[in-house]
Amino acid sequence: MMRVIFLGAPGTGKGTQAGYIAKKYGVPQISTGDILRKAVKDGTELGVKAKAIMEAGGLVSDDIMIELVEQRLSLHDCDNGYILDGFPRTLKQAQSLDEMLRNGKQIDAVIYFDVEEDDLVKRITSRRVCVQCGKTYNVITDPPPADNLCEVDGGEIIQRDDDKEETVRKRLKVYQESTSPLYQYYKARNKLYSIDASRAVKTVREAIIDLYKR
């Protein structure tokens, strides 16, 4: 199990786990957000297109995301496997991923991070961020200093608008509507493994490693 998709809503912890697992097994963690930011920064043809869409307040199309991922998977550091973090997000993306890998190495498994919506809302709305350096805190598990100033650079610590409950619930609704078909898509192909991601970080990590050992 080296070519793996981590599937789950925002706040499920899949990004944190992907970083650890990728390092443990010596494969790249491929995040669509990272790919987008790099393409925009490098001024590639696709990056220029994506930047224009984002600056206009739109969503980057499936076609652009699919092409960006295909370019990333063609690099040699993916030869021995990878973790896709945040891709695919739609059925079209999943079908296109299967097509691009048709003559190569197919996805081995999809690990679904299962967390109840109310738990996700609690996790995300508890997040706080330094406005200067971006250091993150959590009012439950890692509270900010009493003076609400970052101990790294003294910046003010705030709750971002994206982390407020109304916005979070809207984001989760959009996510579920677009990605729920993926659950059945991969289940029908016997590639889906669901884990309870509401547990402690270490416990979830051990569950993922157990899957890799199978």
N, C-alpha and C. Protein backbone atom coordinates (compact mmCIF):
# COMPACT_ATOMS: atom_id res chain seq x y z
N MET A 1 0.84 -1.20 0.00
CA MET A 1 0.00 0.00 0.00
C MET A 1 0.87 1.24 0.00
N MET A 2 1.18 1.75 -1.19
CA MET A 2 2.01 2.95 -1.28
C MET A 2 1.32 4.09 -2.03
N ARG A 3 0.42 3.74 -2.92
CA ARG A 3 -0.32 4.78 -3.66
C ARG A 3 -1.69 4.91 -3.00
N VAL A 4 -1.80 5.92 -2.14
CA VAL A 4 -2.94 6.00 -1.24
C VAL A 4 -3.60 7.38 -1.30
N ILE A 5 -4.92 7.39 -1.19
CA ILE A 5 -5.68 8.63 -1.07
C ILE A 5 -6.15 8.77 0.37
N PHE A 6 -5.94 9.95 0.96
CA PHE A 6 -6.52 10.27 2.26
C PHE A 6 -7.75 11.13 1.99
N LEU A 7 -8.91 10.59 2.33
CA LEU A 7 -10.18 11.24 2.03
C LEU A 7 -10.88 11.63 3.32
N GLY A 8 -11.31 12.88 3.41
CA GLY A 8 -11.99 13.32 4.62
C GLY A 8 -12.26 14.81 4.58
N ALA A 9 -13.23 15.24 5.36
CA ALA A 9 -13.63 16.65 5.39
C ALA A 9 -12.55 17.51 6.04
N PRO A 10 -12.63 18.84 5.88
CA PRO A 10 -11.72 19.72 6.59
C PRO A 10 -11.84 19.51 8.09
N GLY A 11 -10.69 19.45 8.76
CA GLY A 11 -10.70 19.30 10.21
C GLY A 11 -10.61 17.87 10.70
N THR A 12 -10.57 16.89 9.78
CA THR A 12 -10.49 15.50 10.20
C THR A 12 -9.07 15.08 10.59
N GLY A 13 -8.10 15.92 10.25
CA GLY A 13 -6.72 15.62 10.62
C GLY A 13 -5.95 14.85 9.56
N LYS A 14 -6.51 14.72 8.36
CA LYS A 14 -5.85 13.92 7.33
C LYS A 14 -4.53 14.53 6.87
N GLY A 15 -4.45 15.86 6.86
CA GLY A 15 -3.20 16.51 6.45
C GLY A 15 -2.06 16.24 7.42
N THR A 16 -2.37 16.31 8.71
CA THR A 16 -1.37 16.03 9.74
C THR A 16 -0.89 14.59 9.64
N GLN A 17 -1.82 13.66 9.49
CA GLN A 17 -1.47 12.25 9.40
C GLN A 17 -0.73 11.95 8.10
N ALA A 18 -1.12 12.60 7.01
CA ALA A 18 -0.45 12.38 5.73
C ALA A 18 1.02 12.78 5.81
N GLY A 19 1.29 13.90 6.49
CA GLY A 19 2.67 14.34 6.63
C GLY A 19 3.53 13.33 7.36
N TYR A 20 2.98 12.77 8.44
CA TYR A 20 3.72 11.79 9.23
C TYR A 20 3.93 10.49 8.45
N ILE A 21 2.85 9.98 7.86
CA ILE A 21 2.92 8.70 7.15
C ILE A 21 3.83 8.81 5.93
N ALA A 22 3.76 9.94 5.22
CA ALA A 22 4.61 10.13 4.04
C ALA A 22 6.08 10.08 4.44
N LYS A 23 6.42 10.73 5.54
CA LYS A 23 7.81 10.73 6.01
C LYS A 23 8.23 9.33 6.46
N LYS A 24 7.35 8.63 7.15
CA LYS A 24 7.67 7.29 7.66
C LYS A 24 7.98 6.32 6.52
N TYR A 25 7.22 6.41 5.43
CA TYR A 25 7.38 5.45 4.34
C TYR A 25 8.17 6.01 3.16
N GLY A 26 8.67 7.24 3.28
CA GLY A 26 9.54 7.80 2.26
C GLY A 26 8.87 8.08 0.93
N VAL A 27 7.60 8.53 0.99
CA VAL A 27 6.87 8.89 -0.23
C VAL A 27 6.38 10.33 -0.08
N PRO A 28 6.13 11.03 -1.19
CA PRO A 28 5.67 12.42 -1.09
C PRO A 28 4.21 12.54 -0.65
N GLN A 29 3.94 13.58 0.13
CA GLN A 29 2.57 13.97 0.46
C GLN A 29 2.15 14.99 -0.58
N ILE A 30 1.14 14.68 -1.36
CA ILE A 30 0.72 15.56 -2.45
C ILE A 30 -0.59 16.22 -2.08
N SER A 31 -0.51 17.50 -1.76
CA SER A 31 -1.67 18.29 -1.38
C SER A 31 -2.05 19.20 -2.54
N THR A 32 -3.32 19.20 -2.89
CA THR A 32 -3.76 20.07 -4.00
C THR A 32 -3.53 21.54 -3.68
N GLY A 33 -3.65 21.90 -2.40
CA GLY A 33 -3.39 23.29 -2.02
C GLY A 33 -1.95 23.66 -2.29
N ASP A 34 -1.03 22.77 -1.93
CA ASP A 34 0.40 23.03 -2.16
C ASP A 34 0.70 23.10 -3.66
N ILE A 35 0.08 22.21 -4.43
CA ILE A 35 0.30 22.21 -5.88
C ILE A 35 -0.16 23.53 -6.49
N LEU A 36 -1.34 23.97 -6.06
CA LEU A 36 -1.89 25.22 -6.58
C LEU A 36 -1.00 26.41 -6.26
N ARG A 37 -0.59 26.48 -4.98
CA ARG A 37 0.24 27.62 -4.56
C ARG A 37 1.56 27.64 -5.31
N LYS A 38 2.16 26.47 -5.54
CA LYS A 38 3.43 26.42 -6.26
C LYS A 38 3.25 26.82 -7.72
N ALA A 39 2.18 26.35 -8.34
CA ALA A 39 1.93 26.69 -9.74
C ALA A 39 1.72 28.20 -9.91
N VAL A 40 0.99 28.78 -8.97
CA VAL A 40 0.76 30.24 -9.01
C VAL A 40 2.08 30.98 -8.79
N LYS A 41 2.85 30.54 -7.80
CA LYS A 41 4.12 31.19 -7.48
C LYS A 41 5.11 31.09 -8.65
N ASP A 42 5.14 29.92 -9.29
CA ASP A 42 6.08 29.70 -10.40
C ASP A 42 5.61 30.36 -11.70
N GLY A 43 4.35 30.79 -11.73
CA GLY A 43 3.83 31.44 -12.92
C GLY A 43 3.68 30.52 -14.12
N THR A 44 3.38 29.23 -13.84
CA THR A 44 3.17 28.29 -14.93
C THR A 44 1.87 28.64 -15.67
N GLU A 45 1.69 28.03 -16.82
CA GLU A 45 0.47 28.31 -17.60
C GLU A 45 -0.78 27.99 -16.79
N LEU A 46 -0.77 26.83 -16.13
CA LEU A 46 -1.92 26.47 -15.32
C LEU A 46 -2.02 27.36 -14.08
N GLY A 47 -0.87 27.74 -13.53
CA GLY A 47 -0.86 28.62 -12.36
C GLY A 47 -1.47 29.98 -12.67
N VAL A 48 -1.17 30.51 -13.84
CA VAL A 48 -1.73 31.81 -14.26
C VAL A 48 -3.25 31.71 -14.40
N LYS A 49 -3.71 30.61 -14.98
CA LYS A 49 -5.15 30.41 -15.14
C LYS A 49 -5.83 30.30 -13.77
N ALA A 50 -5.22 29.51 -12.88
CA ALA A 50 -5.80 29.31 -11.56
C ALA A 50 -5.83 30.61 -10.76
N LYS A 51 -4.76 31.38 -10.86
CA LYS A 51 -4.69 32.65 -10.13
C LYS A 51 -5.80 33.60 -10.55
N ALA A 52 -6.03 33.68 -11.85
CA ALA A 52 -7.09 34.56 -12.37
C ALA A 52 -8.46 34.15 -11.84
N ILE A 53 -8.69 32.85 -11.79
CA ILE A 53 -9.97 32.34 -11.29
C ILE A 53 -10.14 32.65 -9.81
N MET A 54 -9.08 32.40 -9.03
CA MET A 54 -9.15 32.62 -7.58
C MET A 54 -9.30 34.11 -7.25
N GLU A 55 -8.60 34.95 -7.99
CA GLU A 55 -8.70 36.40 -7.74
C GLU A 55 -10.08 36.94 -8.08
N ALA A 56 -10.77 36.23 -8.98
CA ALA A 56 -12.13 36.63 -9.34
C ALA A 56 -13.17 36.04 -8.38
N GLY A 57 -12.67 35.28 -7.40
CA GLY A 57 -13.56 34.69 -6.40
C GLY A 57 -14.18 33.38 -6.82
N GLY A 58 -13.66 32.79 -7.90
CA GLY A 58 -14.22 31.52 -8.38
C GLY A 58 -13.49 30.32 -7.83
N LEU A 59 -14.00 29.14 -8.18
CA LEU A 59 -13.38 27.88 -7.79
C LEU A 59 -12.60 27.32 -8.96
N VAL A 60 -11.39 26.87 -8.69
CA VAL A 60 -10.57 26.30 -9.75
C VAL A 60 -11.26 25.05 -10.29
N SER A 61 -11.36 24.94 -11.59
CA SER A 61 -12.13 23.87 -12.23
C SER A 61 -11.48 22.50 -12.04
N ASP A 62 -12.32 21.48 -12.20
CA ASP A 62 -11.81 20.10 -12.15
C ASP A 62 -10.71 19.89 -13.18
N ASP A 63 -10.89 20.42 -14.38
CA ASP A 63 -9.93 20.19 -15.46
C ASP A 63 -8.54 20.70 -15.08
N ILE A 64 -8.49 21.89 -14.47
CA ILE A 64 -7.19 22.44 -14.08
C ILE A 64 -6.56 21.61 -12.97
N MET A 65 -7.37 21.25 -11.97
CA MET A 65 -6.85 20.46 -10.86
C MET A 65 -6.35 19.09 -11.34
N ILE A 66 -7.09 18.48 -12.24
CA ILE A 66 -6.71 17.16 -12.77
C ILE A 66 -5.37 17.26 -13.50
N GLU A 67 -5.21 18.30 -14.31
CA GLU A 67 -3.96 18.46 -15.05
C GLU A 67 -2.79 18.74 -14.11
N LEU A 68 -3.03 19.54 -13.08
CA LEU A 68 -1.97 19.82 -12.10
C LEU A 68 -1.53 18.55 -11.39
N VAL A 69 -2.50 17.74 -10.98
CA VAL A 69 -2.17 16.49 -10.29
C VAL A 69 -1.44 15.53 -11.23
N GLU A 70 -1.89 15.46 -12.48
CA GLU A 70 -1.23 14.57 -13.44
C GLU A 70 0.23 14.96 -13.63
N GLN A 71 0.50 16.26 -13.72
CA GLN A 71 1.88 16.73 -13.85
C GLN A 71 2.69 16.35 -12.62
N ARG A 72 2.07 16.49 -11.43
CA ARG A 72 2.80 16.17 -10.19
C ARG A 72 3.11 14.69 -10.09
N LEU A 73 2.17 13.84 -10.46
CA LEU A 73 2.37 12.40 -10.36
C LEU A 73 3.39 11.88 -11.37
N SER A 74 3.69 12.68 -12.38
CA SER A 74 4.67 12.26 -13.40
C SER A 74 6.11 12.44 -12.92
N LEU A 75 6.31 13.14 -11.80
CA LEU A 75 7.66 13.36 -11.29
C LEU A 75 8.21 12.08 -10.66
N HIS A 76 9.53 11.94 -10.72
CA HIS A 76 10.16 10.68 -10.31
C HIS A 76 10.02 10.36 -8.83
N ASP A 77 9.79 11.38 -8.00
CA ASP A 77 9.67 11.07 -6.57
C ASP A 77 8.37 10.31 -6.26
N CYS A 78 7.50 10.20 -7.27
CA CYS A 78 6.25 9.43 -7.09
C CYS A 78 6.37 7.99 -7.57
N ASP A 79 7.54 7.62 -8.08
CA ASP A 79 7.70 6.29 -8.68
C ASP A 79 7.40 5.17 -7.70
N ASN A 80 7.74 5.38 -6.43
CA ASN A 80 7.56 4.33 -5.43
C ASN A 80 6.32 4.53 -4.56
N GLY A 81 5.49 5.49 -4.95
CA GLY A 81 4.26 5.71 -4.20
C GLY A 81 4.08 7.15 -3.77
N TYR A 82 2.92 7.44 -3.17
CA TYR A 82 2.59 8.80 -2.74
C TYR A 82 1.31 8.75 -1.92
N ILE A 83 1.07 9.85 -1.23
CA ILE A 83 -0.21 10.03 -0.54
C ILE A 83 -0.89 11.25 -1.15
N LEU A 84 -2.06 11.05 -1.70
CA LEU A 84 -2.85 12.17 -2.22
C LEU A 84 -3.72 12.72 -1.09
N ASP A 85 -3.48 13.96 -0.73
CA ASP A 85 -4.16 14.60 0.38
C ASP A 85 -5.07 15.71 -0.16
N GLY A 86 -6.37 15.43 -0.21
CA GLY A 86 -7.31 16.44 -0.71
C GLY A 86 -7.67 16.28 -2.17
N PHE A 87 -7.28 15.20 -2.77
CA PHE A 87 -7.63 14.91 -4.16
C PHE A 87 -7.82 13.41 -4.28
N PRO A 88 -8.89 12.98 -4.97
CA PRO A 88 -9.93 13.76 -5.64
C PRO A 88 -10.98 14.29 -4.67
N ARG A 89 -11.71 15.30 -5.12
CA ARG A 89 -12.80 15.87 -4.33
C ARG A 89 -14.15 15.71 -5.01
N THR A 90 -14.12 15.33 -6.26
CA THR A 90 -15.37 15.13 -7.00
C THR A 90 -15.29 13.80 -7.75
N LEU A 91 -16.45 13.31 -8.16
CA LEU A 91 -16.49 12.05 -8.90
C LEU A 91 -15.73 12.18 -10.22
N LYS A 92 -15.84 13.32 -10.86
CA LYS A 92 -15.11 13.53 -12.12
C LYS A 92 -13.61 13.43 -11.89
N GLN A 93 -13.13 14.02 -10.80
CA GLN A 93 -11.70 13.94 -10.50
C GLN A 93 -11.27 12.50 -10.25
N ALA A 94 -12.10 11.74 -9.54
CA ALA A 94 -11.78 10.34 -9.25
C ALA A 94 -11.70 9.52 -10.54
N GLN A 95 -12.68 9.73 -11.42
CA GLN A 95 -12.69 8.99 -12.68
C GLN A 95 -11.51 9.37 -13.55
N SER A 96 -11.16 10.66 -13.55
CA SER A 96 -10.00 11.12 -14.33
C SER A 96 -8.70 10.57 -13.76
N LEU A 97 -8.63 10.47 -12.44
CA LEU A 97 -7.43 9.89 -11.80
C LEU A 97 -7.26 8.44 -12.23
N ASP A 98 -8.35 7.68 -12.23
CA ASP A 98 -8.28 6.29 -12.67
C ASP A 98 -7.81 6.20 -14.13
N GLU A 99 -8.31 7.12 -14.93
CA GLU A 99 -7.95 7.11 -16.35
C GLU A 99 -6.47 7.44 -16.55
N MET A 100 -5.96 8.44 -15.83
CA MET A 100 -4.56 8.82 -16.01
C MET A 100 -3.60 7.73 -15.50
N LEU A 101 -4.10 6.89 -14.59
CA LEU A 101 -3.26 5.81 -14.05
C LEU A 101 -3.54 4.47 -14.73
N ARG A 102 -4.37 4.50 -15.76
CA ARG A 102 -4.82 3.26 -16.41
C ARG A 102 -3.65 2.43 -16.92
N ASN A 103 -2.64 3.09 -17.47
CA ASN A 103 -1.49 2.37 -18.01
C ASN A 103 -0.31 2.35 -17.03
N GLY A 104 -0.57 2.80 -15.82
CA GLY A 104 0.50 2.82 -14.83
C GLY A 104 0.06 2.09 -13.58
N LYS A 105 0.48 2.59 -12.43
CA LYS A 105 0.16 1.94 -11.16
C LYS A 105 -1.09 2.57 -10.56
N GLN A 106 -2.09 1.75 -10.36
CA GLN A 106 -3.37 2.23 -9.83
C GLN A 106 -3.28 2.54 -8.34
N ILE A 107 -4.26 3.29 -7.87
CA ILE A 107 -4.37 3.57 -6.44
C ILE A 107 -4.57 2.27 -5.67
N ASP A 108 -3.80 2.09 -4.60
CA ASP A 108 -3.88 0.87 -3.80
C ASP A 108 -5.04 0.92 -2.81
N ALA A 109 -5.25 2.08 -2.21
CA ALA A 109 -6.27 2.17 -1.15
C ALA A 109 -6.70 3.62 -0.95
N VAL A 110 -7.90 3.76 -0.41
CA VAL A 110 -8.45 5.06 -0.03
C VAL A 110 -8.80 4.98 1.45
N ILE A 111 -8.16 5.82 2.25
CA ILE A 111 -8.41 5.82 3.69
C ILE A 111 -9.34 6.99 4.01
N TYR A 112 -10.53 6.66 4.46
CA TYR A 112 -11.54 7.66 4.77
C TYR A 112 -11.50 8.03 6.25
N PHE A 113 -11.31 9.30 6.53
CA PHE A 113 -11.25 9.82 7.89
C PHE A 113 -12.66 10.19 8.34
N ASP A 114 -13.23 9.36 9.19
CA ASP A 114 -14.62 9.51 9.59
C ASP A 114 -14.72 10.26 10.92
N VAL A 115 -15.37 11.43 10.88
CA VAL A 115 -15.60 12.23 12.09
C VAL A 115 -17.00 12.84 11.98
N GLU A 116 -17.78 12.77 13.06
CA GLU A 116 -19.12 13.36 13.07
C GLU A 116 -19.05 14.88 12.85
N GLU A 117 -20.07 15.43 12.19
CA GLU A 117 -20.06 16.85 11.85
C GLU A 117 -19.91 17.74 13.09
N ASP A 118 -20.64 17.45 14.16
CA ASP A 118 -20.56 18.31 15.34
C ASP A 118 -19.15 18.30 15.94
N ASP A 119 -18.49 17.16 15.87
CA ASP A 119 -17.11 17.08 16.35
C ASP A 119 -16.19 17.91 15.48
N LEU A 120 -16.43 17.87 14.16
CA LEU A 120 -15.62 18.66 13.24
C LEU A 120 -15.80 20.15 13.50
N VAL A 121 -17.05 20.55 13.68
CA VAL A 121 -17.34 21.97 13.95
C VAL A 121 -16.61 22.42 15.23
N LYS A 122 -16.65 21.57 16.24
CA LYS A 122 -15.98 21.90 17.50
C LYS A 122 -14.48 22.04 17.30
N ARG A 123 -13.90 21.13 16.53
CA ARG A 123 -12.46 21.18 16.25
C ARG A 123 -12.07 22.46 15.54
N ILE A 124 -12.79 22.75 14.46
CA ILE A 124 -12.40 23.88 13.60
C ILE A 124 -12.67 25.22 14.28
N THR A 125 -13.82 25.33 14.96
CA THR A 125 -14.13 26.61 15.60
C THR A 125 -13.25 26.87 16.82
N SER A 126 -12.55 25.85 17.28
CA SER A 126 -11.63 26.02 18.40
C SER A 126 -10.26 26.54 17.95
N ARG A 127 -10.05 26.60 16.64
CA ARG A 127 -8.75 26.98 16.10
C ARG A 127 -8.55 28.50 16.17
N ARG A 128 -7.34 28.90 16.51
CA ARG A 128 -6.94 30.31 16.54
C ARG A 128 -5.61 30.45 15.81
N VAL A 129 -5.37 31.62 15.22
CA VAL A 129 -4.18 31.80 14.38
C VAL A 129 -3.51 33.14 14.66
N CYS A 130 -2.18 33.14 14.68
CA CYS A 130 -1.42 34.40 14.81
C CYS A 130 -1.49 35.14 13.48
N VAL A 131 -1.86 36.42 13.53
CA VAL A 131 -2.03 37.19 12.30
C VAL A 131 -0.70 37.47 11.61
N GLN A 132 0.41 37.34 12.33
CA GLN A 132 1.72 37.67 11.74
C GLN A 132 2.45 36.43 11.21
N CYS A 133 2.64 35.43 12.03
CA CYS A 133 3.44 34.28 11.60
C CYS A 133 2.60 33.07 11.18
N GLY A 134 1.30 33.09 11.50
CA GLY A 134 0.43 32.00 11.10
C GLY A 134 0.42 30.82 12.05
N LYS A 135 1.13 30.90 13.17
CA LYS A 135 1.13 29.80 14.13
C LYS A 135 -0.30 29.53 14.58
N THR A 136 -0.65 28.25 14.66
CA THR A 136 -2.02 27.90 15.05
C THR A 136 -2.09 27.42 16.49
N TYR A 137 -3.22 27.71 17.10
CA TYR A 137 -3.52 27.28 18.47
C TYR A 137 -4.89 26.62 18.46
N ASN A 138 -5.22 26.00 19.58
CA ASN A 138 -6.55 25.43 19.75
C ASN A 138 -6.99 25.71 21.18
N VAL A 139 -8.13 26.36 21.34
CA VAL A 139 -8.54 26.80 22.67
C VAL A 139 -8.80 25.64 23.62
N ILE A 140 -8.94 24.41 23.05
CA ILE A 140 -9.17 23.24 23.89
C ILE A 140 -7.89 22.47 24.17
N THR A 141 -7.16 22.14 23.10
CA THR A 141 -5.98 21.28 23.25
C THR A 141 -4.66 22.03 23.33
N ASP A 142 -4.61 23.23 22.79
CA ASP A 142 -3.36 24.00 22.78
C ASP A 142 -3.69 25.49 22.85
N PRO A 143 -4.21 25.95 24.00
CA PRO A 143 -4.72 27.32 24.10
C PRO A 143 -3.63 28.39 23.93
N PRO A 144 -4.01 29.53 23.38
CA PRO A 144 -3.05 30.63 23.24
C PRO A 144 -2.73 31.24 24.60
N PRO A 145 -1.66 32.04 24.68
CA PRO A 145 -1.31 32.69 25.95
C PRO A 145 -2.46 33.56 26.48
N ALA A 146 -2.43 33.81 27.76
CA ALA A 146 -3.52 34.57 28.41
C ALA A 146 -3.68 35.96 27.82
N ASP A 147 -2.57 36.57 27.35
CA ASP A 147 -2.65 37.92 26.78
C ASP A 147 -3.06 37.90 25.31
N ASN A 148 -3.30 36.71 24.76
CA ASN A 148 -3.73 36.53 23.38
C ASN A 148 -2.71 37.05 22.36
N LEU A 149 -1.43 37.00 22.75
CA LEU A 149 -0.35 37.41 21.86
C LEU A 149 0.56 36.20 21.62
N CYS A 150 0.94 36.00 20.37
CA CYS A 150 1.76 34.86 19.98
C CYS A 150 3.12 34.90 20.67
N GLU A 151 3.55 33.76 21.24
CA GLU A 151 4.83 33.73 21.92
C GLU A 151 6.00 33.69 20.94
N VAL A 152 5.70 33.48 19.63
CA VAL A 152 6.77 33.47 18.63
C VAL A 152 7.18 34.87 18.22
N ASP A 153 6.18 35.71 17.90
CA ASP A 153 6.51 37.06 17.41
C ASP A 153 5.65 38.17 18.02
N GLY A 154 4.80 37.82 18.98
CA GLY A 154 3.99 38.84 19.63
C GLY A 154 2.77 39.28 18.85
N GLY A 155 2.48 38.57 17.74
CA GLY A 155 1.34 38.94 16.92
C GLY A 155 0.01 38.63 17.60
N GLU A 156 -1.02 39.35 17.19
CA GLU A 156 -2.35 39.12 17.76
C GLU A 156 -2.88 37.77 17.30
N ILE A 157 -3.54 37.07 18.19
CA ILE A 157 -4.11 35.77 17.88
C ILE A 157 -5.61 35.92 17.68
N ILE A 158 -6.10 35.47 16.53
CA ILE A 158 -7.50 35.69 16.17
C ILE A 158 -8.18 34.38 15.75
N GLN A 159 -9.49 34.45 15.66
CA GLN A 159 -10.26 33.38 15.01
C GLN A 159 -10.59 33.86 13.60
N ARG A 160 -10.14 33.12 12.60
CA ARG A 160 -10.42 33.52 11.22
C ARG A 160 -11.91 33.38 10.90
N ASP A 161 -12.39 34.19 9.98
CA ASP A 161 -13.79 34.12 9.58
C ASP A 161 -14.15 32.71 9.09
N ASP A 162 -13.19 32.06 8.39
CA ASP A 162 -13.43 30.71 7.87
C ASP A 162 -13.62 29.69 8.98
N ASP A 163 -13.19 30.03 10.19
CA ASP A 163 -13.27 29.10 11.32
C ASP A 163 -14.46 29.37 12.23
N LYS A 164 -15.33 30.28 11.83
CA LYS A 164 -16.53 30.55 12.63
C LYS A 164 -17.63 29.57 12.26
N GLU A 165 -18.50 29.25 13.23
CA GLU A 165 -19.40 28.11 13.09
C GLU A 165 -20.27 28.17 11.83
N GLU A 166 -20.88 29.29 11.55
CA GLU A 166 -21.77 29.37 10.39
C GLU A 166 -21.02 29.03 9.10
N THR A 167 -19.82 29.60 8.96
CA THR A 167 -19.01 29.35 7.76
C THR A 167 -18.56 27.91 7.71
N VAL A 168 -18.16 27.37 8.85
CA VAL A 168 -17.69 25.98 8.91
C VAL A 168 -18.79 25.02 8.47
N ARG A 169 -20.00 25.22 8.96
CA ARG A 169 -21.10 24.33 8.58
C ARG A 169 -21.41 24.43 7.09
N LYS A 170 -21.30 25.61 6.53
CA LYS A 170 -21.52 25.77 5.09
C LYS A 170 -20.44 25.02 4.31
N ARG A 171 -19.18 25.15 4.75
CA ARG A 171 -18.08 24.47 4.08
C ARG A 171 -18.26 22.95 4.14
N LEU A 172 -18.68 22.46 5.28
CA LEU A 172 -18.86 21.02 5.44
C LEU A 172 -20.01 20.51 4.56
N LYS A 173 -21.07 21.32 4.44
CA LYS A 173 -22.19 20.94 3.59
C LYS A 173 -21.76 20.83 2.13
N VAL A 174 -20.99 21.83 1.68
CA VAL A 174 -20.49 21.81 0.30
C VAL A 174 -19.58 20.61 0.08
N TYR A 175 -18.73 20.35 1.08
CA TYR A 175 -17.81 19.22 0.97
C TYR A 175 -18.58 17.91 0.85
N GLN A 176 -19.55 17.71 1.72
CA GLN A 176 -20.30 16.46 1.70
C GLN A 176 -21.04 16.27 0.38
N GLU A 177 -21.61 17.35 -0.15
CA GLU A 177 -22.36 17.25 -1.40
C GLU A 177 -21.46 16.84 -2.56
N SER A 178 -20.23 17.36 -2.57
CA SER A 178 -19.33 17.09 -3.69
C SER A 178 -18.57 15.78 -3.55
N THR A 179 -18.31 15.36 -2.30
CA THR A 179 -17.46 14.18 -2.11
C THR A 179 -18.19 12.92 -1.69
N SER A 180 -19.43 13.02 -1.27
CA SER A 180 -20.14 11.82 -0.82
C SER A 180 -20.18 10.72 -1.89
N PRO A 181 -20.28 11.06 -3.20
CA PRO A 181 -20.26 9.99 -4.21
C PRO A 181 -18.94 9.21 -4.22
N LEU A 182 -17.85 9.84 -3.76
CA LEU A 182 -16.55 9.18 -3.77
C LEU A 182 -16.53 7.98 -2.83
N TYR A 183 -17.25 8.11 -1.73
CA TYR A 183 -17.30 7.02 -0.75
C TYR A 183 -17.80 5.74 -1.41
N GLN A 184 -18.93 5.84 -2.11
CA GLN A 184 -19.51 4.68 -2.79
C GLN A 184 -18.65 4.24 -3.98
N TYR A 185 -18.05 5.21 -4.66
CA TYR A 185 -17.21 4.92 -5.84
C TYR A 185 -16.06 3.99 -5.45
N TYR A 186 -15.36 4.33 -4.38
CA TYR A 186 -14.20 3.53 -3.97
C TYR A 186 -14.61 2.28 -3.20
N LYS A 187 -15.74 2.35 -2.51
CA LYS A 187 -16.25 1.17 -1.82
C LYS A 187 -16.59 0.08 -2.83
N ALA A 188 -17.20 0.48 -3.93
CA ALA A 188 -17.58 -0.48 -4.97
C ALA A 188 -16.36 -1.13 -5.61
N ARG A 189 -15.22 -0.47 -5.52
CA ARG A 189 -13.97 -1.00 -6.09
C ARG A 189 -13.11 -1.69 -5.04
N ASN A 190 -13.68 -1.89 -3.84
CA ASN A 190 -12.99 -2.58 -2.74
C ASN A 190 -11.67 -1.91 -2.36
N LYS A 191 -11.66 -0.59 -2.42
CA LYS A 191 -10.44 0.14 -2.08
C LYS A 191 -10.62 1.04 -0.86
N LEU A 192 -11.82 1.08 -0.32
CA LEU A 192 -12.11 2.01 0.76
C LEU A 192 -11.89 1.38 2.14
N TYR A 193 -11.14 2.10 2.98
CA TYR A 193 -10.93 1.71 4.37
C TYR A 193 -11.33 2.90 5.24
N SER A 194 -12.27 2.69 6.13
CA SER A 194 -12.76 3.78 6.98
C SER A 194 -12.15 3.66 8.37
N ILE A 195 -11.65 4.79 8.89
CA ILE A 195 -11.11 4.80 10.25
C ILE A 195 -11.80 5.88 11.07
N ASP A 196 -11.94 5.62 12.35
CA ASP A 196 -12.54 6.58 13.27
C ASP A 196 -11.49 7.64 13.60
N ALA A 197 -11.59 8.79 12.94
CA ALA A 197 -10.59 9.85 13.11
C ALA A 197 -10.95 10.82 14.22
N SER A 198 -11.98 10.49 15.02
CA SER A 198 -12.34 11.35 16.15
C SER A 198 -11.46 11.05 17.37
N ARG A 199 -10.67 10.00 17.29
CA ARG A 199 -9.81 9.60 18.40
C ARG A 199 -8.54 10.44 18.47
N ALA A 200 -7.71 10.18 19.47
CA ALA A 200 -6.46 10.91 19.65
C ALA A 200 -5.56 10.73 18.42
N VAL A 201 -4.73 11.74 18.15
CA VAL A 201 -3.86 11.73 16.97
C VAL A 201 -3.02 10.46 16.92
N LYS A 202 -2.42 10.09 18.04
CA LYS A 202 -1.56 8.90 18.07
C LYS A 202 -2.35 7.63 17.76
N THR A 203 -3.57 7.54 18.28
CA THR A 203 -4.41 6.35 18.05
C THR A 203 -4.78 6.23 16.59
N VAL A 204 -5.14 7.35 15.97
CA VAL A 204 -5.49 7.36 14.54
C VAL A 204 -4.27 6.97 13.71
N ARG A 205 -3.12 7.50 14.08
CA ARG A 205 -1.87 7.20 13.36
C ARG A 205 -1.56 5.70 13.42
N GLU A 206 -1.75 5.10 14.57
CA GLU A 206 -1.49 3.66 14.72
C GLU A 206 -2.46 2.85 13.88
N ALA A 207 -3.71 3.33 13.77
CA ALA A 207 -4.70 2.63 12.95
C ALA A 207 -4.30 2.67 11.47
N ILE A 208 -3.76 3.80 11.03
CA ILE A 208 -3.32 3.92 9.64
C ILE A 208 -2.13 3.00 9.38
N ILE A 209 -1.18 2.98 10.30
CA ILE A 209 -0.01 2.12 10.15
C ILE A 209 -0.41 0.66 10.11
N ASP A 210 -1.42 0.29 10.90
CA ASP A 210 -1.92 -1.09 10.88
C ASP A 210 -2.45 -1.45 9.49
N LEU A 211 -3.11 -0.49 8.83
CA LEU A 211 -3.60 -0.73 7.49
C LEU A 211 -2.44 -0.96 6.52
N TYR A 212 -1.37 -0.18 6.69
CA TYR A 212 -0.22 -0.32 5.81
C TYR A 212 0.46 -1.69 5.98
N LYS A 213 0.31 -2.27 7.15
CA LYS A 213 0.95 -3.56 7.41
C LYS A 213 0.17 -4.74 6.82
N ARG A 214 -1.06 -4.49 6.41
CA ARG A 214 -1.88 -5.61 5.93
C ARG A 214 -1.36 -6.12 4.58
